[in-house]
């Protein structure tokens, strides 16, 4: 051990802690890659594919690839879906497509940072002008905050809810 290295290590640790605290907070969310097959049926299948896309969109999913299997009337759709939205996905998909879409084959794909601060509060003059002094539920949809609140609710932790926002 070098003489004086303890002071350097302690100073470096404090500097790293300050840097982490000053950086904007972001949540990293796991995503699943899912393969779906949807038969087009006798009517061409446009309504089934539209319903499949609707279920994906409501759950923040994104279609990566879509192709028709040769010699069949079946579409193969490859999409990515957040893990938090995967619960009940197969049932919603079957219900929306009247059973034309099969159960999705899901496997972990990647981690993705949500580019929103879960603890955002307006501070600057331009933020206060745009959002007001508080950000209400109806003003802006903050996906990161919604995920944090859902985890806190599921674990039985305090939710920071306001019963009265603006009392007379």
C-alpha atoms as a PDB file:
ATOM      1  CA  UNK A   1       0.000   0.000   0.000  1.00  0.00           C
ATOM      2  CA  UNK A   2       1.317   3.399  -0.929  1.00  0.00           C
ATOM      3  CA  UNK A   3       1.617   6.128   1.688  1.00  0.00           C
ATOM      4  CA  UNK A   4      -1.162   8.701   1.355  1.00  0.00           C
ATOM      5  CA  UNK A   5      -3.291   6.488  -0.917  1.00  0.00           C
ATOM      6  CA  UNK A   6      -6.075   6.363   1.687  1.00  0.00           C
ATOM      7  CA  UNK A   7      -6.720  10.079   1.220  1.00  0.00           C
ATOM      8  CA  UNK A   8      -6.878   9.692  -2.546  1.00  0.00           C
ATOM      9  CA  UNK A   9      -9.312   6.769  -2.334  1.00  0.00           C
ATOM     10  CA  UNK A  10     -11.608   8.553   0.104  1.00  0.00           C
ATOM     11  CA  UNK A  11     -11.604  11.704  -2.034  1.00  0.00           C
ATOM     12  CA  UNK A  12     -12.312   9.695  -5.202  1.00  0.00           C
ATOM     13  CA  UNK A  13     -15.190   7.884  -3.471  1.00  0.00           C
ATOM     14  CA  UNK A  14     -16.754  11.178  -2.332  1.00  0.00           C
ATOM     15  CA  UNK A  15     -16.332  12.661  -5.834  1.00  0.00           C
ATOM     16  CA  UNK A  16     -18.036   9.633  -7.422  1.00  0.00           C
ATOM     17  CA  UNK A  17     -20.936   9.806  -4.950  1.00  0.00           C
ATOM     18  CA  UNK A  18     -21.468  13.507  -5.720  1.00  0.00           C
ATOM     19  CA  UNK A  19     -21.345  12.854  -9.470  1.00  0.00           C
ATOM     20  CA  UNK A  20     -23.939  10.081  -9.182  1.00  0.00           C
ATOM     21  CA  UNK A  21     -26.257  12.251  -7.082  1.00  0.00           C
ATOM     22  CA  UNK A  22     -26.025  15.178  -9.530  1.00  0.00           C
ATOM     23  CA  UNK A  23     -26.730  13.074 -12.631  1.00  0.00           C
ATOM     24  CA  UNK A  24     -30.368  12.809 -13.744  1.00  0.00           C
ATOM     25  CA  UNK A  25     -32.046   9.642 -12.503  1.00  0.00           C
ATOM     26  CA  UNK A  26     -33.191   7.145 -15.090  1.00  0.00           C
ATOM     27  CA  UNK A  27     -34.941   3.804 -14.828  1.00  0.00           C
ATOM     28  CA  UNK A  28     -33.687   0.858 -16.852  1.00  0.00           C
ATOM     29  CA  UNK A  29     -36.425  -1.474 -18.028  1.00  0.00           C
ATOM     30  CA  UNK A  30     -36.165  -5.023 -19.350  1.00  0.00           C
ATOM     31  CA  UNK A  31     -37.619  -5.808 -22.773  1.00  0.00           C
ATOM     32  CA  UNK A  32     -38.780  -9.108 -24.233  1.00  0.00           C
ATOM     33  CA  UNK A  33     -38.552 -10.214 -27.860  1.00  0.00           C
ATOM     34  CA  UNK A  34     -41.727 -12.012 -28.847  1.00  0.00           C
ATOM     35  CA  UNK A  35     -42.659 -13.989 -31.925  1.00  0.00           C
ATOM     36  CA  UNK A  36     -46.311 -14.024 -32.876  1.00  0.00           C
ATOM     37  CA  UNK A  37     -48.144 -15.858 -35.613  1.00  0.00           C
ATOM     38  CA  UNK A  38     -51.478 -14.595 -36.841  1.00  0.00           C
ATOM     39  CA  UNK A  39     -53.589 -16.422 -39.403  1.00  0.00           C
ATOM     40  CA  UNK A  40     -55.311 -14.178 -41.886  1.00  0.00           C
ATOM     41  CA  UNK A  41     -58.286 -16.499 -42.377  1.00  0.00           C
ATOM     42  CA  UNK A  42     -60.768 -16.296 -45.244  1.00  0.00           C
ATOM     43  CA  UNK A  43     -61.425 -12.566 -45.006  1.00  0.00           C
ATOM     44  CA  UNK A  44     -57.820 -11.523 -45.616  1.00  0.00           C
ATOM     45  CA  UNK A  45     -56.866 -11.022 -41.962  1.00  0.00           C
ATOM     46  CA  UNK A  46     -56.523  -7.252 -41.987  1.00  0.00           C
ATOM     47  CA  UNK A  47     -58.734  -6.816 -38.948  1.00  0.00           C
ATOM     48  CA  UNK A  48     -56.775  -9.428 -36.974  1.00  0.00           C
ATOM     49  CA  UNK A  49     -53.448  -7.794 -37.783  1.00  0.00           C
ATOM     50  CA  UNK A  50     -54.870  -4.370 -36.864  1.00  0.00           C
ATOM     51  CA  UNK A  51     -56.044  -5.724 -33.512  1.00  0.00           C
ATOM     52  CA  UNK A  52     -52.632  -7.350 -32.938  1.00  0.00           C
ATOM     53  CA  UNK A  53     -50.924  -4.012 -33.580  1.00  0.00           C
ATOM     54  CA  UNK A  54     -53.424  -2.312 -31.242  1.00  0.00           C
ATOM     55  CA  UNK A  55     -52.642  -4.683 -28.366  1.00  0.00           C
ATOM     56  CA  UNK A  56     -48.913  -4.094 -28.879  1.00  0.00           C
ATOM     57  CA  UNK A  57     -49.349  -0.303 -28.998  1.00  0.00           C
ATOM     58  CA  UNK A  58     -51.424  -0.195 -25.785  1.00  0.00           C
ATOM     59  CA  UNK A  59     -48.597  -2.029 -24.007  1.00  0.00           C
ATOM     60  CA  UNK A  60     -45.785   0.162 -25.456  1.00  0.00           C
ATOM     61  CA  UNK A  61     -44.639  -2.676 -27.733  1.00  0.00           C
ATOM     62  CA  UNK A  62     -42.874  -2.115 -31.057  1.00  0.00           C
ATOM     63  CA  UNK A  63     -42.959  -4.286 -34.165  1.00  0.00           C
ATOM     64  CA  UNK A  64     -39.474  -5.228 -35.386  1.00  0.00           C
ATOM     65  CA  UNK A  65     -40.339  -7.437 -38.356  1.00  0.00           C
ATOM     66  CA  UNK A  66     -43.422  -8.699 -40.150  1.00  0.00           C
ATOM     67  CA  UNK A  67     -43.558 -11.220 -42.963  1.00  0.00           C
ATOM     68  CA  UNK A  68     -45.961 -13.683 -44.482  1.00  0.00           C
ATOM     69  CA  UNK A  69     -44.994 -17.350 -44.392  1.00  0.00           C
ATOM     70  CA  UNK A  70     -44.653 -18.682 -47.937  1.00  0.00           C
ATOM     71  CA  UNK A  71     -47.492 -20.840 -49.172  1.00  0.00           C
ATOM     72  CA  UNK A  72     -49.746 -20.013 -46.198  1.00  0.00           C
ATOM     73  CA  UNK A  73     -52.056 -17.239 -45.095  1.00  0.00           C
ATOM     74  CA  UNK A  74     -50.146 -16.804 -41.832  1.00  0.00           C
ATOM     75  CA  UNK A  75     -48.220 -13.727 -40.791  1.00  0.00           C
ATOM     76  CA  UNK A  76     -45.108 -14.002 -38.602  1.00  0.00           C
ATOM     77  CA  UNK A  77     -44.642 -10.886 -36.476  1.00  0.00           C
ATOM     78  CA  UNK A  78     -41.553 -10.220 -34.387  1.00  0.00           C
ATOM     79  CA  UNK A  79     -41.934  -7.490 -31.766  1.00  0.00           C
ATOM     80  CA  UNK A  80     -40.361  -6.207 -28.567  1.00  0.00           C
ATOM     81  CA  UNK A  81     -42.411  -5.621 -25.426  1.00  0.00           C
ATOM     82  CA  UNK A  82     -41.558  -4.213 -21.979  1.00  0.00           C
ATOM     83  CA  UNK A  83     -41.457  -6.856 -19.253  1.00  0.00           C
ATOM     84  CA  UNK A  84     -43.843  -4.818 -17.132  1.00  0.00           C
ATOM     85  CA  UNK A  85     -46.472  -5.034 -19.886  1.00  0.00           C
ATOM     86  CA  UNK A  86     -46.084  -8.764 -20.504  1.00  0.00           C
ATOM     87  CA  UNK A  87     -48.486  -9.897 -17.767  1.00  0.00           C
ATOM     88  CA  UNK A  88     -51.763 -10.903 -19.403  1.00  0.00           C
ATOM     89  CA  UNK A  89     -50.435 -10.189 -22.905  1.00  0.00           C
ATOM     90  CA  UNK A  90     -51.343 -13.605 -24.353  1.00  0.00           C
ATOM     91  CA  UNK A  91     -54.941 -13.402 -23.104  1.00  0.00           C
ATOM     92  CA  UNK A  92     -55.375  -9.855 -24.405  1.00  0.00           C
ATOM     93  CA  UNK A  93     -53.926 -10.898 -27.760  1.00  0.00           C
ATOM     94  CA  UNK A  94     -56.202 -13.917 -28.107  1.00  0.00           C
ATOM     95  CA  UNK A  95     -59.234 -11.871 -27.107  1.00  0.00           C
ATOM     96  CA  UNK A  96     -58.506  -9.015 -29.504  1.00  0.00           C
ATOM     97  CA  UNK A  97     -57.800 -11.301 -32.476  1.00  0.00           C
ATOM     98  CA  UNK A  98     -60.568 -13.827 -31.708  1.00  0.00           C
ATOM     99  CA  UNK A  99     -57.964 -16.557 -31.353  1.00  0.00           C
ATOM    100  CA  UNK A 100     -56.273 -15.857 -34.715  1.00  0.00           C
ATOM    101  CA  UNK A 101     -52.990 -14.961 -32.992  1.00  0.00           C
ATOM    102  CA  UNK A 102     -51.160 -17.748 -31.209  1.00  0.00           C
ATOM    103  CA  UNK A 103     -49.565 -17.570 -27.807  1.00  0.00           C
ATOM    104  CA  UNK A 104     -46.454 -15.407 -28.077  1.00  0.00           C
ATOM    105  CA  UNK A 105     -43.022 -16.957 -27.698  1.00  0.00           C
ATOM    106  CA  UNK A 106     -41.189 -14.506 -25.426  1.00  0.00           C
ATOM    107  CA  UNK A 107     -37.503 -14.369 -24.511  1.00  0.00           C
ATOM    108  CA  UNK A 108     -35.428 -11.653 -22.850  1.00  0.00           C
ATOM    109  CA  UNK A 109     -34.040  -9.202 -25.405  1.00  0.00           C
ATOM    110  CA  UNK A 110     -32.294  -6.220 -23.813  1.00  0.00           C
ATOM    111  CA  UNK A 111     -32.327  -3.462 -21.202  1.00  0.00           C
ATOM    112  CA  UNK A 112     -33.467   0.017 -22.225  1.00  0.00           C
ATOM    113  CA  UNK A 113     -33.298   3.265 -20.263  1.00  0.00           C
ATOM    114  CA  UNK A 114     -36.506   5.266 -20.039  1.00  0.00           C
ATOM    115  CA  UNK A 115     -35.559   8.814 -21.001  1.00  0.00           C
ATOM    116  CA  UNK A 116     -37.746  10.461 -18.351  1.00  0.00           C
ATOM    117  CA  UNK A 117     -36.896  11.478 -14.813  1.00  0.00           C
ATOM    118  CA  UNK A 118     -39.204   9.567 -12.439  1.00  0.00           C
ATOM    119  CA  UNK A 119     -38.881  12.320  -9.818  1.00  0.00           C
ATOM    120  CA  UNK A 120     -39.276  15.342 -12.113  1.00  0.00           C
ATOM    121  CA  UNK A 121     -40.398  18.574 -10.457  1.00  0.00           C
ATOM    122  CA  UNK A 122     -40.403  21.872 -12.413  1.00  0.00           C
ATOM    123  CA  UNK A 123     -37.593  24.177 -11.205  1.00  0.00           C
ATOM    124  CA  UNK A 124     -36.540  26.634 -13.910  1.00  0.00           C
ATOM    125  CA  UNK A 125     -38.655  29.540 -15.114  1.00  0.00           C
ATOM    126  CA  UNK A 126     -39.341  27.876 -18.467  1.00  0.00           C
ATOM    127  CA  UNK A 127     -40.357  24.584 -16.774  1.00  0.00           C
ATOM    128  CA  UNK A 128     -42.636  26.448 -14.370  1.00  0.00           C
ATOM    129  CA  UNK A 129     -44.187  28.303 -17.313  1.00  0.00           C
ATOM    130  CA  UNK A 130     -44.726  25.083 -19.262  1.00  0.00           C
ATOM    131  CA  UNK A 131     -45.843  22.745 -16.457  1.00  0.00           C
ATOM    132  CA  UNK A 132     -46.933  25.064 -13.619  1.00  0.00           C
ATOM    133  CA  UNK A 133     -45.744  24.704 -10.032  1.00  0.00           C
ATOM    134  CA  UNK A 134     -46.815  21.046  -9.856  1.00  0.00           C
ATOM    135  CA  UNK A 135     -47.169  18.303 -12.405  1.00  0.00           C
ATOM    136  CA  UNK A 136     -50.637  16.784 -12.077  1.00  0.00           C
ATOM    137  CA  UNK A 137     -51.672  13.384 -13.351  1.00  0.00           C
ATOM    138  CA  UNK A 138     -53.626  14.893 -16.246  1.00  0.00           C
ATOM    139  CA  UNK A 139     -50.857  17.217 -17.435  1.00  0.00           C
ATOM    140  CA  UNK A 140     -48.141  14.858 -18.535  1.00  0.00           C
ATOM    141  CA  UNK A 141     -47.736  11.099 -18.745  1.00  0.00           C
ATOM    142  CA  UNK A 142     -44.444  10.166 -17.118  1.00  0.00           C
ATOM    143  CA  UNK A 143     -43.854   6.470 -17.838  1.00  0.00           C
ATOM    144  CA  UNK A 144     -40.925   6.240 -15.422  1.00  0.00           C
ATOM    145  CA  UNK A 145     -42.995   7.691 -12.565  1.00  0.00           C
ATOM    146  CA  UNK A 146     -45.865   5.310 -13.349  1.00  0.00           C
ATOM    147  CA  UNK A 147     -43.497   2.328 -13.187  1.00  0.00           C
ATOM    148  CA  UNK A 148     -42.052   3.488  -9.848  1.00  0.00           C
ATOM    149  CA  UNK A 149     -45.549   3.983  -8.413  1.00  0.00           C
ATOM    150  CA  UNK A 150     -46.659   0.550  -9.628  1.00  0.00           C
ATOM    151  CA  UNK A 151     -43.675  -1.152  -7.960  1.00  0.00           C
ATOM    152  CA  UNK A 152     -44.227   0.823  -4.739  1.00  0.00           C
ATOM    153  CA  UNK A 153     -47.949  -0.089  -4.754  1.00  0.00           C
ATOM    154  CA  UNK A 154     -47.155  -3.767  -5.353  1.00  0.00           C
ATOM    155  CA  UNK A 155     -44.657  -3.780  -2.454  1.00  0.00           C
ATOM    156  CA  UNK A 156     -46.987  -1.917  -0.094  1.00  0.00           C
ATOM    157  CA  UNK A 157     -44.798   1.211   0.160  1.00  0.00           C
ATOM    158  CA  UNK A 158     -45.900   4.844   0.501  1.00  0.00           C
ATOM    159  CA  UNK A 159     -47.194   6.246  -2.807  1.00  0.00           C
ATOM    160  CA  UNK A 160     -46.949  10.044  -2.275  1.00  0.00           C
ATOM    161  CA  UNK A 161     -50.582  10.528  -3.282  1.00  0.00           C
ATOM    162  CA  UNK A 162     -52.411  13.802  -2.795  1.00  0.00           C
ATOM    163  CA  UNK A 163     -56.051  13.492  -1.891  1.00  0.00           C
ATOM    164  CA  UNK A 164     -56.689  17.245  -2.247  1.00  0.00           C
ATOM    165  CA  UNK A 165     -54.659  19.088  -4.884  1.00  0.00           C
ATOM    166  CA  UNK A 166     -56.086  22.601  -4.676  1.00  0.00           C
ATOM    167  CA  UNK A 167     -58.460  23.255  -1.776  1.00  0.00           C
ATOM    168  CA  UNK A 168     -60.595  26.393  -1.644  1.00  0.00           C
END
